[in-house]
Amino acid sequence: HVDGHLPDLIYTRDFNQYSTTHIRTLLGLGTGDGERVLRWIVFRRLCPITDLVGAEFWRMFWECFHCHLHLWRGGIRHCDISASNLMYDKINSRGILNDFNLAQLRDHPSLNETEWAGTMPFMALDLLEEPAWNGKVRREYRHDAESFAWVLLWICCTYRDGTELST
């Protein structure tokens, strides 16, 4: 159900000499609480779903939605549904769920289940309220599903025939 609906990786390279741990050590600041590494990731070119209209838009949108559902059931939480993360592949004519920078694994012990993340205009309302900011809201499937609804509303209000409306 997700085959063909995720970006195709072409190339990746880590630059460990630019890791936060390496930079902190060079500056004499200690190692800190975590490490980030500069990573180049090259994928095959994708197109924004906002370029599409009519039945083709709906098909790609639902393919992204179903891909997300199957990933969630498999323990992968995307956590950043936004208009720019719903793409399509012109070559294979498939909806592609893109950008897993904020993704979480359901059973990964190092992740906080109440941590919020995402693109604010498309985040579920529950995640924008004070209890969520204080770590008292557990991320659930409905939060990402609500993000799909906000994305759809935003696209319907800001695009006509695959072209962004001027403001």
N, C-alpha and C. Protein backbone atom coordinates (compact mmCIF):
# COMPACT_ATOMS: atom_id res chain seq x y z
N HIS A 1 0.81 -1.21 0.00
CA HIS A 1 0.00 0.00 0.00
C HIS A 1 0.84 1.27 0.00
N VAL A 2 2.11 1.17 0.40
CA VAL A 2 2.97 2.36 0.35
C VAL A 2 3.95 2.28 -0.80
N ASP A 3 4.09 1.10 -1.41
CA ASP A 3 5.03 0.93 -2.52
C ASP A 3 4.66 1.87 -3.66
N GLY A 4 5.64 2.67 -4.08
CA GLY A 4 5.40 3.63 -5.15
C GLY A 4 4.85 4.95 -4.68
N HIS A 5 4.58 5.09 -3.38
CA HIS A 5 4.01 6.33 -2.85
C HIS A 5 4.95 7.04 -1.88
N LEU A 6 6.22 6.62 -1.89
CA LEU A 6 7.26 7.28 -1.10
C LEU A 6 8.35 7.74 -2.06
N PRO A 7 9.10 8.78 -1.70
CA PRO A 7 10.14 9.28 -2.61
C PRO A 7 11.21 8.22 -2.90
N ASP A 8 11.71 8.20 -4.13
CA ASP A 8 12.80 7.29 -4.52
C ASP A 8 14.14 7.95 -4.21
N LEU A 9 14.89 7.34 -3.31
CA LEU A 9 16.20 7.85 -2.93
C LEU A 9 17.21 7.56 -4.03
N ILE A 10 17.92 8.60 -4.47
CA ILE A 10 18.94 8.45 -5.50
C ILE A 10 20.34 8.47 -4.87
N TYR A 11 20.54 9.35 -3.88
CA TYR A 11 21.88 9.52 -3.30
C TYR A 11 21.75 10.09 -1.90
N THR A 12 22.65 9.70 -1.02
CA THR A 12 22.73 10.29 0.32
C THR A 12 24.17 10.32 0.78
N ARG A 13 24.50 11.34 1.55
CA ARG A 13 25.85 11.45 2.10
C ARG A 13 25.78 12.25 3.40
N ASP A 14 26.43 11.73 4.44
CA ASP A 14 26.54 12.43 5.72
C ASP A 14 27.86 13.16 5.77
N PHE A 15 27.85 14.35 6.34
CA PHE A 15 29.05 15.15 6.54
C PHE A 15 29.30 15.25 8.05
N ASN A 16 29.92 14.21 8.61
CA ASN A 16 30.12 14.14 10.06
C ASN A 16 30.99 15.27 10.59
N GLN A 17 31.87 15.81 9.74
CA GLN A 17 32.74 16.90 10.20
C GLN A 17 31.94 18.15 10.53
N TYR A 18 30.66 18.19 10.11
CA TYR A 18 29.79 19.32 10.43
C TYR A 18 28.71 18.96 11.44
N SER A 19 28.89 17.87 12.15
CA SER A 19 27.90 17.47 13.15
C SER A 19 27.91 18.46 14.30
N THR A 20 26.79 18.56 15.00
CA THR A 20 26.73 19.47 16.14
C THR A 20 27.71 19.04 17.24
N THR A 21 27.92 17.74 17.40
CA THR A 21 28.88 17.26 18.40
C THR A 21 30.29 17.71 18.04
N HIS A 22 30.67 17.58 16.80
CA HIS A 22 32.00 17.99 16.36
C HIS A 22 32.20 19.50 16.54
N ILE A 23 31.21 20.27 16.15
CA ILE A 23 31.30 21.73 16.28
C ILE A 23 31.35 22.14 17.74
N ARG A 24 30.52 21.53 18.60
CA ARG A 24 30.55 21.84 20.03
C ARG A 24 31.90 21.51 20.64
N THR A 25 32.47 20.39 20.24
CA THR A 25 33.77 19.98 20.75
C THR A 25 34.84 20.99 20.33
N LEU A 26 34.83 21.41 19.08
CA LEU A 26 35.80 22.40 18.60
C LEU A 26 35.68 23.73 19.35
N LEU A 27 34.46 24.08 19.73
CA LEU A 27 34.22 25.34 20.45
C LEU A 27 34.36 25.19 21.96
N GLY A 28 34.65 23.98 22.43
CA GLY A 28 34.80 23.73 23.86
C GLY A 28 33.50 23.82 24.63
N LEU A 29 32.40 23.48 24.01
CA LEU A 29 31.09 23.59 24.64
C LEU A 29 30.54 22.27 25.17
N GLY A 30 31.29 21.20 25.09
CA GLY A 30 30.77 19.88 25.48
C GLY A 30 29.96 19.29 24.35
N THR A 31 29.41 18.11 24.58
CA THR A 31 28.73 17.41 23.50
C THR A 31 27.24 17.71 23.42
N GLY A 32 26.62 18.23 24.45
CA GLY A 32 25.19 18.54 24.40
C GLY A 32 24.32 17.31 24.58
N ASP A 33 23.01 17.49 24.33
CA ASP A 33 22.03 16.43 24.56
C ASP A 33 21.74 15.56 23.35
N GLY A 34 22.21 15.93 22.21
CA GLY A 34 21.91 15.16 21.01
C GLY A 34 22.85 15.56 19.90
N GLU A 35 22.69 14.90 18.79
CA GLU A 35 23.57 15.22 17.67
C GLU A 35 22.76 15.33 16.39
N ARG A 36 23.11 16.31 15.62
CA ARG A 36 22.57 16.46 14.28
C ARG A 36 23.74 16.43 13.32
N VAL A 37 23.50 15.82 12.18
CA VAL A 37 24.54 15.69 11.17
C VAL A 37 24.02 16.30 9.87
N LEU A 38 24.88 17.08 9.20
CA LEU A 38 24.51 17.60 7.90
C LEU A 38 24.44 16.42 6.94
N ARG A 39 23.30 16.29 6.26
CA ARG A 39 23.08 15.15 5.36
C ARG A 39 22.50 15.66 4.04
N TRP A 40 23.12 15.26 2.96
CA TRP A 40 22.55 15.51 1.65
C TRP A 40 21.70 14.31 1.28
N ILE A 41 20.51 14.59 0.81
CA ILE A 41 19.62 13.52 0.34
C ILE A 41 19.08 13.97 -1.01
N VAL A 42 19.25 13.13 -2.01
CA VAL A 42 18.78 13.46 -3.35
C VAL A 42 17.71 12.44 -3.74
N PHE A 43 16.56 12.98 -4.13
CA PHE A 43 15.44 12.16 -4.57
C PHE A 43 15.12 12.50 -6.02
N ARG A 44 14.40 11.61 -6.67
CA ARG A 44 13.91 11.92 -8.01
C ARG A 44 12.95 13.11 -7.90
N ARG A 45 12.97 13.95 -8.90
CA ARG A 45 12.15 15.17 -8.89
C ARG A 45 10.66 14.82 -8.77
N LEU A 46 10.01 15.51 -7.85
CA LEU A 46 8.58 15.37 -7.64
C LEU A 46 7.90 16.70 -7.93
N CYS A 47 6.62 16.66 -8.16
CA CYS A 47 5.85 17.86 -8.46
C CYS A 47 4.82 18.09 -7.35
N PRO A 48 4.52 19.36 -7.05
CA PRO A 48 3.53 19.64 -6.01
C PRO A 48 2.13 19.22 -6.44
N ILE A 49 1.40 18.66 -5.51
CA ILE A 49 0.04 18.21 -5.78
C ILE A 49 -0.86 19.39 -6.16
N THR A 50 -0.45 20.59 -5.77
CA THR A 50 -1.24 21.78 -6.07
C THR A 50 -1.26 22.10 -7.57
N ASP A 51 -0.38 21.48 -8.35
CA ASP A 51 -0.39 21.67 -9.82
C ASP A 51 -1.56 20.95 -10.48
N LEU A 52 -2.15 20.00 -9.76
CA LEU A 52 -3.18 19.14 -10.35
C LEU A 52 -4.58 19.71 -10.16
N VAL A 53 -5.49 19.24 -11.00
CA VAL A 53 -6.90 19.66 -10.89
C VAL A 53 -7.81 18.45 -11.09
N GLY A 54 -9.04 18.61 -10.67
CA GLY A 54 -10.08 17.62 -10.93
C GLY A 54 -9.77 16.24 -10.39
N ALA A 55 -10.15 15.22 -11.18
CA ALA A 55 -10.02 13.83 -10.75
C ALA A 55 -8.57 13.45 -10.49
N GLU A 56 -7.65 14.01 -11.26
CA GLU A 56 -6.23 13.69 -11.05
C GLU A 56 -5.75 14.19 -9.69
N PHE A 57 -6.17 15.41 -9.30
CA PHE A 57 -5.83 15.92 -7.97
C PHE A 57 -6.38 15.00 -6.88
N TRP A 58 -7.66 14.66 -6.99
CA TRP A 58 -8.29 13.84 -5.96
C TRP A 58 -7.62 12.47 -5.84
N ARG A 59 -7.28 11.87 -6.98
CA ARG A 59 -6.63 10.56 -6.94
C ARG A 59 -5.28 10.65 -6.22
N MET A 60 -4.48 11.65 -6.53
CA MET A 60 -3.16 11.80 -5.90
C MET A 60 -3.31 12.13 -4.41
N PHE A 61 -4.28 12.98 -4.09
CA PHE A 61 -4.51 13.33 -2.69
C PHE A 61 -4.85 12.08 -1.88
N TRP A 62 -5.80 11.27 -2.39
CA TRP A 62 -6.20 10.07 -1.66
C TRP A 62 -5.09 9.03 -1.61
N GLU A 63 -4.25 8.96 -2.64
CA GLU A 63 -3.11 8.05 -2.58
C GLU A 63 -2.15 8.46 -1.47
N CYS A 64 -1.91 9.76 -1.31
CA CYS A 64 -1.07 10.24 -0.21
C CYS A 64 -1.71 9.91 1.14
N PHE A 65 -3.03 10.12 1.22
CA PHE A 65 -3.76 9.85 2.46
C PHE A 65 -3.67 8.36 2.82
N HIS A 66 -3.91 7.49 1.85
CA HIS A 66 -3.86 6.05 2.12
C HIS A 66 -2.45 5.59 2.46
N CYS A 67 -1.45 6.15 1.80
CA CYS A 67 -0.06 5.83 2.13
C CYS A 67 0.21 6.19 3.59
N HIS A 68 -0.24 7.38 3.98
CA HIS A 68 -0.06 7.83 5.37
C HIS A 68 -0.75 6.87 6.35
N LEU A 69 -1.96 6.47 6.04
CA LEU A 69 -2.69 5.55 6.91
C LEU A 69 -1.93 4.24 7.09
N HIS A 70 -1.42 3.67 6.01
CA HIS A 70 -0.71 2.39 6.09
C HIS A 70 0.63 2.55 6.82
N LEU A 71 1.29 3.67 6.64
CA LEU A 71 2.52 3.91 7.40
C LEU A 71 2.20 4.00 8.89
N TRP A 72 1.14 4.71 9.23
CA TRP A 72 0.74 4.86 10.64
C TRP A 72 0.45 3.49 11.26
N ARG A 73 -0.33 2.69 10.54
CA ARG A 73 -0.64 1.35 11.04
C ARG A 73 0.62 0.51 11.21
N GLY A 74 1.62 0.78 10.37
CA GLY A 74 2.89 0.06 10.46
C GLY A 74 3.86 0.64 11.47
N GLY A 75 3.45 1.69 12.18
CA GLY A 75 4.28 2.25 13.25
C GLY A 75 5.11 3.46 12.85
N ILE A 76 4.88 4.02 11.66
CA ILE A 76 5.61 5.21 11.23
C ILE A 76 4.64 6.38 11.23
N ARG A 77 4.98 7.38 12.04
CA ARG A 77 4.14 8.56 12.17
C ARG A 77 4.79 9.72 11.44
N HIS A 78 4.16 10.23 10.43
CA HIS A 78 4.73 11.29 9.60
C HIS A 78 4.90 12.59 10.39
N CYS A 79 3.87 13.05 11.04
CA CYS A 79 3.88 14.21 11.95
C CYS A 79 4.09 15.56 11.28
N ASP A 80 4.04 15.64 9.95
CA ASP A 80 4.20 16.94 9.30
C ASP A 80 3.45 16.97 7.96
N ILE A 81 2.16 16.71 8.03
CA ILE A 81 1.35 16.78 6.82
C ILE A 81 1.15 18.25 6.47
N SER A 82 1.58 18.62 5.27
CA SER A 82 1.44 19.99 4.79
C SER A 82 1.26 19.96 3.28
N ALA A 83 0.86 21.09 2.73
CA ALA A 83 0.65 21.16 1.28
C ALA A 83 1.93 20.85 0.52
N SER A 84 3.07 21.25 1.05
CA SER A 84 4.33 21.02 0.34
C SER A 84 4.84 19.59 0.50
N ASN A 85 4.23 18.80 1.36
CA ASN A 85 4.66 17.41 1.55
C ASN A 85 3.77 16.41 0.82
N LEU A 86 2.75 16.90 0.14
CA LEU A 86 1.91 16.05 -0.70
C LEU A 86 2.33 16.32 -2.14
N MET A 87 2.98 15.36 -2.75
CA MET A 87 3.58 15.52 -4.06
C MET A 87 3.02 14.46 -5.01
N TYR A 88 3.46 14.53 -6.25
CA TYR A 88 3.14 13.45 -7.18
C TYR A 88 4.32 13.24 -8.11
N ASP A 89 4.41 12.04 -8.62
CA ASP A 89 5.46 11.64 -9.54
C ASP A 89 4.87 11.63 -10.95
N LYS A 90 5.35 12.52 -11.81
CA LYS A 90 4.82 12.60 -13.18
C LYS A 90 5.10 11.32 -13.97
N ILE A 91 6.25 10.71 -13.71
CA ILE A 91 6.65 9.53 -14.48
C ILE A 91 5.72 8.35 -14.20
N ASN A 92 5.47 8.09 -12.89
CA ASN A 92 4.65 6.95 -12.50
C ASN A 92 3.20 7.31 -12.23
N SER A 93 2.88 8.58 -12.29
CA SER A 93 1.52 9.07 -12.03
C SER A 93 0.98 8.53 -10.71
N ARG A 94 1.74 8.82 -9.65
CA ARG A 94 1.35 8.39 -8.30
C ARG A 94 1.50 9.54 -7.31
N GLY A 95 0.61 9.55 -6.31
CA GLY A 95 0.75 10.49 -5.21
C GLY A 95 1.89 10.04 -4.32
N ILE A 96 2.72 11.01 -3.88
CA ILE A 96 3.90 10.71 -3.06
C ILE A 96 3.82 11.49 -1.76
N LEU A 97 3.90 10.79 -0.64
CA LEU A 97 4.00 11.43 0.66
C LEU A 97 5.47 11.71 0.91
N ASN A 98 5.82 12.96 1.08
CA ASN A 98 7.21 13.40 1.11
C ASN A 98 7.58 14.01 2.47
N ASP A 99 8.86 14.13 2.71
CA ASP A 99 9.46 14.85 3.84
C ASP A 99 9.18 14.18 5.19
N PHE A 100 10.06 13.30 5.55
CA PHE A 100 9.93 12.56 6.80
C PHE A 100 10.88 13.07 7.88
N ASN A 101 11.28 14.34 7.79
CA ASN A 101 12.22 14.91 8.77
C ASN A 101 11.68 14.86 10.19
N LEU A 102 10.39 15.00 10.36
CA LEU A 102 9.80 15.02 11.71
C LEU A 102 9.12 13.70 12.06
N ALA A 103 9.28 12.71 11.22
CA ALA A 103 8.61 11.42 11.45
C ALA A 103 9.12 10.76 12.74
N GLN A 104 8.24 9.99 13.33
CA GLN A 104 8.55 9.26 14.55
C GLN A 104 8.16 7.80 14.38
N LEU A 105 8.86 6.94 15.09
CA LEU A 105 8.50 5.53 15.13
C LEU A 105 7.67 5.30 16.37
N ARG A 106 6.56 4.62 16.22
CA ARG A 106 5.61 4.43 17.32
C ARG A 106 6.26 3.84 18.57
N ASP A 107 7.06 2.82 18.40
CA ASP A 107 7.61 2.11 19.56
C ASP A 107 9.05 2.49 19.87
N HIS A 108 9.55 3.58 19.29
CA HIS A 108 10.94 3.98 19.53
C HIS A 108 11.05 4.56 20.94
N PRO A 109 11.89 3.99 21.78
CA PRO A 109 11.94 4.42 23.18
C PRO A 109 12.50 5.82 23.39
N SER A 110 13.23 6.37 22.43
CA SER A 110 13.85 7.67 22.67
C SER A 110 12.94 8.84 22.29
N LEU A 111 11.77 8.55 21.76
CA LEU A 111 10.88 9.63 21.36
C LEU A 111 9.79 9.86 22.38
N ASN A 112 9.45 11.11 22.57
CA ASN A 112 8.41 11.51 23.50
C ASN A 112 7.07 11.48 22.78
N GLU A 113 6.14 10.68 23.23
CA GLU A 113 4.83 10.55 22.57
C GLU A 113 4.02 11.85 22.60
N THR A 114 4.35 12.76 23.52
CA THR A 114 3.59 14.00 23.60
C THR A 114 4.29 15.15 22.89
N GLU A 115 5.42 14.89 22.25
CA GLU A 115 6.13 15.95 21.53
C GLU A 115 5.33 16.36 20.31
N TRP A 116 5.15 17.67 20.13
CA TRP A 116 4.42 18.14 18.97
C TRP A 116 5.43 18.56 17.92
N ALA A 117 5.02 18.43 16.69
CA ALA A 117 5.83 18.85 15.56
C ALA A 117 4.91 19.05 14.38
N GLY A 118 5.36 19.79 13.41
CA GLY A 118 4.59 19.96 12.20
C GLY A 118 4.66 21.37 11.67
N THR A 119 3.96 21.59 10.57
CA THR A 119 3.86 22.91 9.96
C THR A 119 2.61 23.58 10.52
N MET A 120 2.79 24.64 11.29
CA MET A 120 1.71 25.21 12.10
C MET A 120 0.39 25.45 11.38
N PRO A 121 0.37 26.04 10.19
CA PRO A 121 -0.95 26.29 9.57
C PRO A 121 -1.76 25.02 9.31
N PHE A 122 -1.10 23.87 9.29
CA PHE A 122 -1.79 22.62 8.97
C PHE A 122 -1.90 21.67 10.17
N MET A 123 -1.42 22.10 11.32
CA MET A 123 -1.46 21.23 12.49
C MET A 123 -2.86 21.14 13.08
N ALA A 124 -3.14 20.01 13.70
CA ALA A 124 -4.42 19.82 14.39
C ALA A 124 -4.55 20.85 15.50
N LEU A 125 -5.77 21.32 15.70
CA LEU A 125 -5.99 22.36 16.71
C LEU A 125 -5.55 21.91 18.10
N ASP A 126 -5.77 20.64 18.43
CA ASP A 126 -5.35 20.13 19.75
C ASP A 126 -3.87 20.36 20.00
N LEU A 127 -3.06 20.28 18.95
CA LEU A 127 -1.61 20.39 19.09
C LEU A 127 -1.14 21.84 19.19
N LEU A 128 -2.06 22.78 18.99
CA LEU A 128 -1.72 24.20 19.07
C LEU A 128 -2.17 24.84 20.38
N GLU A 129 -2.79 24.04 21.25
CA GLU A 129 -3.28 24.55 22.52
C GLU A 129 -2.27 24.30 23.63
N GLU A 130 -2.45 25.01 24.73
CA GLU A 130 -1.49 24.96 25.83
C GLU A 130 -1.20 23.56 26.37
N PRO A 131 -2.19 22.69 26.54
CA PRO A 131 -1.87 21.35 27.04
C PRO A 131 -0.85 20.63 26.15
N ALA A 132 -0.94 20.82 24.85
CA ALA A 132 0.02 20.18 23.94
C ALA A 132 1.41 20.77 24.13
N TRP A 133 1.48 22.09 24.30
CA TRP A 133 2.77 22.76 24.50
C TRP A 133 3.41 22.30 25.80
N ASN A 134 2.59 21.88 26.75
CA ASN A 134 3.10 21.41 28.04
C ASN A 134 3.29 19.89 28.06
N GLY A 135 3.17 19.24 26.92
CA GLY A 135 3.43 17.81 26.83
C GLY A 135 2.30 16.93 27.35
N LYS A 136 1.07 17.45 27.42
CA LYS A 136 -0.04 16.70 27.97
C LYS A 136 -0.98 16.12 26.91
N VAL A 137 -0.63 16.26 25.64
CA VAL A 137 -1.45 15.72 24.57
C VAL A 137 -0.64 14.67 23.82
N ARG A 138 -1.16 13.48 23.76
CA ARG A 138 -0.49 12.39 23.05
C ARG A 138 -0.85 12.47 21.57
N ARG A 139 0.14 12.42 20.71
CA ARG A 139 -0.12 12.47 19.26
C ARG A 139 -0.87 11.22 18.84
N GLU A 140 -1.97 11.42 18.14
CA GLU A 140 -2.80 10.32 17.66
C GLU A 140 -2.99 10.45 16.16
N TYR A 141 -3.51 9.39 15.56
CA TYR A 141 -3.74 9.40 14.12
C TYR A 141 -4.64 10.56 13.70
N ARG A 142 -5.63 10.85 14.49
CA ARG A 142 -6.59 11.89 14.13
C ARG A 142 -5.92 13.25 13.96
N HIS A 143 -4.77 13.47 14.63
CA HIS A 143 -4.07 14.74 14.47
C HIS A 143 -3.53 14.90 13.05
N ASP A 144 -2.90 13.85 12.53
CA ASP A 144 -2.41 13.93 11.15
C ASP A 144 -3.57 13.92 10.16
N ALA A 145 -4.64 13.18 10.46
CA ALA A 145 -5.81 13.17 9.59
C ALA A 145 -6.42 14.58 9.52
N GLU A 146 -6.45 15.28 10.65
CA GLU A 146 -6.95 16.65 10.65
C GLU A 146 -6.04 17.55 9.81
N SER A 147 -4.75 17.29 9.84
CA SER A 147 -3.83 18.05 9.00
C SER A 147 -4.16 17.90 7.52
N PHE A 148 -4.53 16.70 7.10
CA PHE A 148 -4.96 16.51 5.71
C PHE A 148 -6.16 17.40 5.39
N ALA A 149 -7.09 17.51 6.34
CA ALA A 149 -8.27 18.36 6.11
C ALA A 149 -7.86 19.83 5.98
N TRP A 150 -6.94 20.29 6.83
CA TRP A 150 -6.47 21.68 6.74
C TRP A 150 -5.74 21.92 5.42
N VAL A 151 -4.96 20.95 4.97
CA VAL A 151 -4.27 21.07 3.69
C VAL A 151 -5.29 21.19 2.56
N LEU A 152 -6.29 20.34 2.57
CA LEU A 152 -7.31 20.37 1.54
C LEU A 152 -8.04 21.72 1.52
N LEU A 153 -8.41 22.21 2.68
CA LEU A 153 -9.07 23.51 2.76
C LEU A 153 -8.17 24.61 2.20
N TRP A 154 -6.89 24.58 2.59
CA TRP A 154 -5.95 25.60 2.12
C TRP A 154 -5.80 25.56 0.60
N ILE A 155 -5.67 24.37 0.04
CA ILE A 155 -5.53 24.24 -1.41
C ILE A 155 -6.79 24.74 -2.11
N CYS A 156 -7.95 24.37 -1.59
CA CYS A 156 -9.21 24.81 -2.21
C CYS A 156 -9.37 26.33 -2.17
N CYS A 157 -8.85 26.96 -1.13
CA CYS A 157 -8.99 28.41 -0.98
C CYS A 157 -7.90 29.20 -1.71
N THR A 158 -6.78 28.60 -2.01
CA THR A 158 -5.66 29.36 -2.56
C THR A 158 -5.26 28.98 -3.98
N TYR A 159 -5.87 27.94 -4.54
CA TYR A 159 -5.53 27.51 -5.90
C TYR A 159 -6.78 27.39 -6.76
N ARG A 160 -6.65 27.76 -8.02
CA ARG A 160 -7.69 27.54 -9.02
C ARG A 160 -7.02 26.97 -10.25
N ASP A 161 -7.51 25.84 -10.70
CA ASP A 161 -6.99 25.19 -11.91
C ASP A 161 -5.47 25.00 -11.87
N GLY A 162 -4.96 24.64 -10.71
CA GLY A 162 -3.53 24.35 -10.57
C GLY A 162 -2.64 25.56 -10.46
N THR A 163 -3.24 26.74 -10.32
CA THR A 163 -2.46 27.98 -10.22
C THR A 163 -2.81 28.68 -8.91
N GLU A 164 -1.78 29.14 -8.21
CA GLU A 164 -2.01 29.83 -6.96
C GLU A 164 -2.65 31.20 -7.24
N LEU A 165 -3.68 31.50 -6.46
CA LEU A 165 -4.37 32.79 -6.62
C LEU A 165 -3.50 33.91 -6.06
N SER A 166 -3.54 35.06 -6.67
CA SER A 166 -2.78 36.18 -6.14
C SER A 166 -3.49 36.74 -4.92
N THR A 167 -2.72 37.23 -3.98
CA THR A 167 -3.32 37.74 -2.74
C THR A 167 -3.45 39.22 -2.73
